[in-house]
Amino acid sequence: MEDVFDLTGRPPRGWMHAIFGGGPYGEDVGRCVPGPPAPETVTVPQPDGGEHVYRLWAVGSWSDPLDPIAVYDETGPVPPPPLSELEKSWLARRTDGPRPDGA
């Protein structure tokens, strides 16, 4: 995501203000997200690698209904995907099965 505010402080058409709770953008209210409507989740890169997911908590407006604000809550880093059955069988074979060198 990048800061996409124009000089008026309003997001460009097709974007909306966003407030983030915690995570890499926890203190950054100067961001915008695609919308409206606001996406259910927003995934952002972490400075040290990996990704961080925010989930939509609420949508509202402080003063102008044409200027919606999405509030996202921190959910933490994305866990690695679970191993597939094939990957599990490879791991089991590697630890339980005979080695190719016969040892």
N, C-alpha and C. Protein backbone atom coordinates (compact mmCIF):
# COMPACT_ATOMS: atom_id res chain seq x y z
N MET A 1 0.85 -1.16 0.00
CA MET A 1 0.00 0.00 0.00
C MET A 1 0.90 1.23 0.00
N GLU A 2 0.39 2.28 -0.51
CA GLU A 2 1.15 3.51 -0.53
C GLU A 2 0.26 4.68 -0.18
N ASP A 3 0.87 5.76 0.24
CA ASP A 3 0.11 6.94 0.60
C ASP A 3 -0.43 7.55 -0.68
N VAL A 4 -1.75 7.62 -0.81
CA VAL A 4 -2.34 8.09 -2.06
C VAL A 4 -3.17 9.34 -1.85
N PHE A 5 -2.96 10.07 -0.75
CA PHE A 5 -3.71 11.30 -0.53
C PHE A 5 -3.32 12.35 -1.56
N ASP A 6 -4.31 13.09 -2.03
CA ASP A 6 -4.00 14.23 -2.87
C ASP A 6 -3.85 15.46 -1.97
N LEU A 7 -3.67 16.63 -2.53
CA LEU A 7 -3.41 17.83 -1.72
C LEU A 7 -4.62 18.28 -0.92
N THR A 8 -5.82 17.82 -1.26
CA THR A 8 -7.01 18.21 -0.51
C THR A 8 -7.19 17.35 0.73
N GLY A 9 -6.41 16.28 0.86
CA GLY A 9 -6.56 15.37 2.00
C GLY A 9 -7.61 14.32 1.79
N ARG A 10 -8.27 14.33 0.63
CA ARG A 10 -9.29 13.33 0.33
C ARG A 10 -8.67 12.22 -0.52
N PRO A 11 -9.11 10.99 -0.30
CA PRO A 11 -8.60 9.93 -1.16
C PRO A 11 -9.14 10.09 -2.58
N PRO A 12 -8.38 9.66 -3.56
CA PRO A 12 -8.89 9.70 -4.94
C PRO A 12 -10.15 8.84 -5.07
N ARG A 13 -10.90 9.06 -6.12
CA ARG A 13 -12.12 8.30 -6.35
C ARG A 13 -11.79 6.81 -6.40
N GLY A 14 -12.60 6.00 -5.74
CA GLY A 14 -12.36 4.56 -5.70
C GLY A 14 -11.48 4.14 -4.54
N TRP A 15 -11.12 5.08 -3.65
CA TRP A 15 -10.31 4.76 -2.47
C TRP A 15 -10.97 5.36 -1.25
N MET A 16 -10.64 4.86 -0.08
CA MET A 16 -11.21 5.42 1.15
C MET A 16 -10.16 5.49 2.24
N HIS A 17 -10.36 6.41 3.18
CA HIS A 17 -9.44 6.54 4.31
C HIS A 17 -9.42 5.24 5.11
N ALA A 18 -8.30 4.94 5.74
CA ALA A 18 -8.19 3.74 6.57
C ALA A 18 -7.44 4.07 7.85
N ILE A 19 -7.86 3.45 8.94
CA ILE A 19 -7.17 3.54 10.22
C ILE A 19 -6.81 2.12 10.62
N PHE A 20 -5.57 1.92 11.03
CA PHE A 20 -5.08 0.58 11.37
C PHE A 20 -4.80 0.49 12.86
N GLY A 21 -5.14 -0.63 13.47
CA GLY A 21 -4.84 -0.88 14.87
C GLY A 21 -3.69 -1.85 14.99
N GLY A 22 -2.52 -1.39 15.43
CA GLY A 22 -1.36 -2.26 15.61
C GLY A 22 -0.71 -2.62 14.29
N GLY A 23 0.27 -3.50 14.35
CA GLY A 23 0.97 -3.98 13.16
C GLY A 23 1.84 -2.91 12.52
N PRO A 24 2.32 -3.16 11.30
CA PRO A 24 3.24 -2.25 10.63
C PRO A 24 2.68 -0.85 10.41
N TYR A 25 1.36 -0.72 10.25
CA TYR A 25 0.74 0.59 10.02
C TYR A 25 -0.09 1.04 11.22
N GLY A 26 0.22 0.54 12.40
CA GLY A 26 -0.58 0.82 13.59
C GLY A 26 -0.75 2.29 13.90
N GLU A 27 0.26 3.09 13.67
CA GLU A 27 0.18 4.52 13.98
C GLU A 27 -0.08 5.36 12.73
N ASP A 28 -0.28 4.72 11.61
CA ASP A 28 -0.37 5.43 10.33
C ASP A 28 -1.83 5.57 9.91
N VAL A 29 -2.39 6.76 10.08
CA VAL A 29 -3.77 6.98 9.64
C VAL A 29 -3.80 7.69 8.29
N GLY A 30 -2.65 7.93 7.71
CA GLY A 30 -2.57 8.61 6.42
C GLY A 30 -2.53 7.67 5.25
N ARG A 31 -3.23 6.57 5.34
CA ARG A 31 -3.26 5.59 4.25
C ARG A 31 -4.66 5.50 3.68
N CYS A 32 -4.74 4.94 2.51
CA CYS A 32 -6.03 4.68 1.88
C CYS A 32 -6.07 3.23 1.43
N VAL A 33 -7.27 2.71 1.30
CA VAL A 33 -7.47 1.35 0.80
C VAL A 33 -8.48 1.42 -0.33
N PRO A 34 -8.48 0.42 -1.22
CA PRO A 34 -9.48 0.42 -2.29
C PRO A 34 -10.89 0.40 -1.69
N GLY A 35 -11.80 1.06 -2.33
CA GLY A 35 -13.17 1.06 -1.84
C GLY A 35 -13.81 2.41 -2.09
N PRO A 36 -15.01 2.66 -1.72
CA PRO A 36 -15.88 1.69 -1.07
C PRO A 36 -16.45 0.67 -2.05
N PRO A 37 -16.90 -0.46 -1.56
CA PRO A 37 -16.85 -0.91 -0.18
C PRO A 37 -15.43 -1.31 0.20
N ALA A 38 -15.15 -1.26 1.49
CA ALA A 38 -13.82 -1.62 1.99
C ALA A 38 -13.62 -3.12 1.88
N PRO A 39 -12.40 -3.56 1.50
CA PRO A 39 -12.15 -5.00 1.47
C PRO A 39 -12.19 -5.60 2.87
N GLU A 40 -12.58 -6.86 2.97
CA GLU A 40 -12.67 -7.55 4.27
C GLU A 40 -11.31 -7.67 4.94
N THR A 41 -10.26 -7.88 4.15
CA THR A 41 -8.91 -7.99 4.69
C THR A 41 -7.96 -7.15 3.84
N VAL A 42 -6.91 -6.68 4.48
CA VAL A 42 -5.84 -5.96 3.79
C VAL A 42 -4.54 -6.62 4.22
N THR A 43 -3.75 -7.08 3.25
CA THR A 43 -2.47 -7.73 3.53
C THR A 43 -1.36 -6.77 3.16
N VAL A 44 -0.43 -6.55 4.10
CA VAL A 44 0.68 -5.63 3.86
C VAL A 44 1.99 -6.34 4.15
N PRO A 45 3.06 -5.95 3.44
CA PRO A 45 4.36 -6.55 3.72
C PRO A 45 4.91 -6.05 5.05
N GLN A 46 5.63 -6.91 5.76
CA GLN A 46 6.29 -6.52 6.99
C GLN A 46 7.72 -6.08 6.65
N PRO A 47 8.26 -5.14 7.41
CA PRO A 47 9.61 -4.64 7.12
C PRO A 47 10.68 -5.74 7.11
N ASP A 48 10.52 -6.74 7.97
CA ASP A 48 11.52 -7.81 8.06
C ASP A 48 11.17 -9.03 7.22
N GLY A 49 10.22 -8.87 6.32
CA GLY A 49 9.78 -9.97 5.47
C GLY A 49 8.47 -10.56 5.97
N GLY A 50 7.81 -11.29 5.13
CA GLY A 50 6.52 -11.87 5.48
C GLY A 50 5.40 -10.87 5.25
N GLU A 51 4.23 -11.25 5.70
CA GLU A 51 3.04 -10.41 5.50
C GLU A 51 2.28 -10.26 6.80
N HIS A 52 1.50 -9.20 6.86
CA HIS A 52 0.67 -8.92 8.03
C HIS A 52 -0.75 -8.68 7.51
N VAL A 53 -1.74 -9.24 8.19
CA VAL A 53 -3.13 -9.13 7.74
C VAL A 53 -3.92 -8.27 8.71
N TYR A 54 -4.67 -7.34 8.15
CA TYR A 54 -5.62 -6.55 8.91
C TYR A 54 -7.01 -6.99 8.48
N ARG A 55 -7.94 -7.06 9.45
CA ARG A 55 -9.33 -7.39 9.14
C ARG A 55 -10.21 -6.18 9.39
N LEU A 56 -11.19 -6.03 8.53
CA LEU A 56 -12.12 -4.91 8.64
C LEU A 56 -12.89 -5.01 9.95
N TRP A 57 -12.89 -3.93 10.72
CA TRP A 57 -13.59 -3.90 12.00
C TRP A 57 -14.86 -3.08 11.89
N ALA A 58 -14.78 -1.92 11.22
CA ALA A 58 -15.95 -1.06 11.08
C ALA A 58 -15.74 -0.10 9.93
N VAL A 59 -16.83 0.42 9.40
CA VAL A 59 -16.79 1.47 8.38
C VAL A 59 -17.72 2.57 8.84
N GLY A 60 -17.25 3.80 8.76
CA GLY A 60 -18.08 4.92 9.18
C GLY A 60 -17.56 6.20 8.58
N SER A 61 -18.01 7.32 9.13
CA SER A 61 -17.56 8.63 8.67
C SER A 61 -17.58 9.58 9.85
N TRP A 62 -16.57 10.43 9.94
CA TRP A 62 -16.57 11.42 11.01
C TRP A 62 -17.54 12.54 10.72
N SER A 63 -17.60 12.97 9.48
CA SER A 63 -18.46 14.11 9.20
C SER A 63 -19.10 14.09 7.82
N ASP A 64 -18.51 13.39 6.89
CA ASP A 64 -18.99 13.44 5.51
C ASP A 64 -19.30 12.02 5.03
N PRO A 65 -20.58 11.70 4.77
CA PRO A 65 -20.92 10.34 4.32
C PRO A 65 -20.26 9.98 2.99
N LEU A 66 -19.83 10.98 2.22
CA LEU A 66 -19.15 10.69 0.96
C LEU A 66 -17.65 10.46 1.17
N ASP A 67 -17.20 10.52 2.41
CA ASP A 67 -15.78 10.32 2.73
C ASP A 67 -15.68 9.22 3.79
N PRO A 68 -15.93 7.95 3.39
CA PRO A 68 -15.97 6.86 4.37
C PRO A 68 -14.58 6.55 4.93
N ILE A 69 -14.60 6.02 6.15
CA ILE A 69 -13.37 5.63 6.84
C ILE A 69 -13.50 4.16 7.22
N ALA A 70 -12.53 3.36 6.83
CA ALA A 70 -12.50 1.94 7.21
C ALA A 70 -11.55 1.79 8.38
N VAL A 71 -11.98 1.07 9.40
CA VAL A 71 -11.13 0.80 10.56
C VAL A 71 -10.75 -0.66 10.51
N TYR A 72 -9.44 -0.91 10.50
CA TYR A 72 -8.93 -2.27 10.44
C TYR A 72 -8.25 -2.62 11.74
N ASP A 73 -8.39 -3.87 12.17
CA ASP A 73 -7.79 -4.34 13.40
C ASP A 73 -6.65 -5.30 13.07
N GLU A 74 -5.65 -5.28 13.91
CA GLU A 74 -4.49 -6.14 13.71
C GLU A 74 -4.85 -7.60 13.95
N THR A 75 -4.41 -8.47 13.05
CA THR A 75 -4.60 -9.90 13.26
C THR A 75 -3.28 -10.65 13.32
N GLY A 76 -2.19 -9.97 13.08
CA GLY A 76 -0.89 -10.60 13.18
C GLY A 76 -0.39 -11.16 11.87
N PRO A 77 0.83 -11.69 11.90
CA PRO A 77 1.42 -12.24 10.67
C PRO A 77 0.61 -13.41 10.14
N VAL A 78 0.66 -13.59 8.85
CA VAL A 78 -0.03 -14.70 8.21
C VAL A 78 0.73 -15.98 8.53
N PRO A 79 0.06 -16.99 9.10
CA PRO A 79 0.76 -18.24 9.38
C PRO A 79 1.10 -18.95 8.08
N PRO A 80 2.17 -19.75 8.09
CA PRO A 80 2.48 -20.49 6.87
C PRO A 80 1.34 -21.45 6.54
N PRO A 81 1.11 -21.71 5.25
CA PRO A 81 0.02 -22.62 4.91
C PRO A 81 0.30 -24.02 5.47
N PRO A 82 -0.76 -24.75 5.82
CA PRO A 82 -0.55 -26.10 6.33
C PRO A 82 0.06 -27.00 5.26
N LEU A 83 0.77 -28.00 5.72
CA LEU A 83 1.38 -28.94 4.78
C LEU A 83 0.30 -29.76 4.07
N SER A 84 0.53 -30.01 2.80
CA SER A 84 -0.39 -30.88 2.06
C SER A 84 -0.14 -32.32 2.47
N GLU A 85 -1.06 -33.20 2.10
CA GLU A 85 -0.88 -34.63 2.42
C GLU A 85 0.38 -35.18 1.76
N LEU A 86 0.67 -34.73 0.54
CA LEU A 86 1.87 -35.19 -0.15
C LEU A 86 3.13 -34.74 0.60
N GLU A 87 3.15 -33.48 1.05
CA GLU A 87 4.31 -33.00 1.81
C GLU A 87 4.47 -33.76 3.12
N LYS A 88 3.35 -34.08 3.78
CA LYS A 88 3.41 -34.85 5.02
C LYS A 88 3.99 -36.24 4.75
N SER A 89 3.60 -36.85 3.63
CA SER A 89 4.13 -38.19 3.32
C SER A 89 5.62 -38.13 3.02
N TRP A 90 6.06 -37.05 2.38
CA TRP A 90 7.50 -36.89 2.11
C TRP A 90 8.27 -36.78 3.43
N LEU A 91 7.74 -35.98 4.35
CA LEU A 91 8.42 -35.83 5.64
C LEU A 91 8.45 -37.15 6.40
N ALA A 92 7.33 -37.88 6.38
CA ALA A 92 7.28 -39.16 7.08
C ALA A 92 8.28 -40.14 6.46
N ARG A 93 8.36 -40.16 5.15
CA ARG A 93 9.28 -41.04 4.46
C ARG A 93 10.73 -40.67 4.78
N ARG A 94 10.99 -39.39 4.89
CA ARG A 94 12.36 -38.92 5.17
C ARG A 94 12.80 -39.34 6.57
N THR A 95 11.88 -39.32 7.55
CA THR A 95 12.26 -39.63 8.93
C THR A 95 12.09 -41.10 9.28
N ASP A 96 11.13 -41.80 8.65
CA ASP A 96 10.84 -43.17 9.02
C ASP A 96 11.39 -44.21 8.05
N GLY A 97 11.47 -43.87 6.82
CA GLY A 97 11.82 -44.86 5.80
C GLY A 97 13.32 -45.10 5.68
N PRO A 98 13.66 -46.14 4.93
CA PRO A 98 15.08 -46.44 4.71
C PRO A 98 15.73 -45.36 3.85
N ARG A 99 16.96 -45.10 4.12
CA ARG A 99 17.70 -44.11 3.32
C ARG A 99 18.20 -44.76 2.05
N PRO A 100 18.34 -43.99 0.98
CA PRO A 100 18.79 -44.55 -0.29
C PRO A 100 20.17 -45.18 -0.21
N ASP A 101 21.00 -44.75 0.73
CA ASP A 101 22.34 -45.32 0.84
C ASP A 101 22.37 -46.57 1.67
N GLY A 102 21.17 -47.03 2.18
CA GLY A 102 21.06 -48.27 2.91
C GLY A 102 21.36 -48.14 4.39
N ALA A 103 21.70 -46.96 4.84
CA ALA A 103 22.04 -46.78 6.26
C ALA A 103 20.81 -46.72 7.13
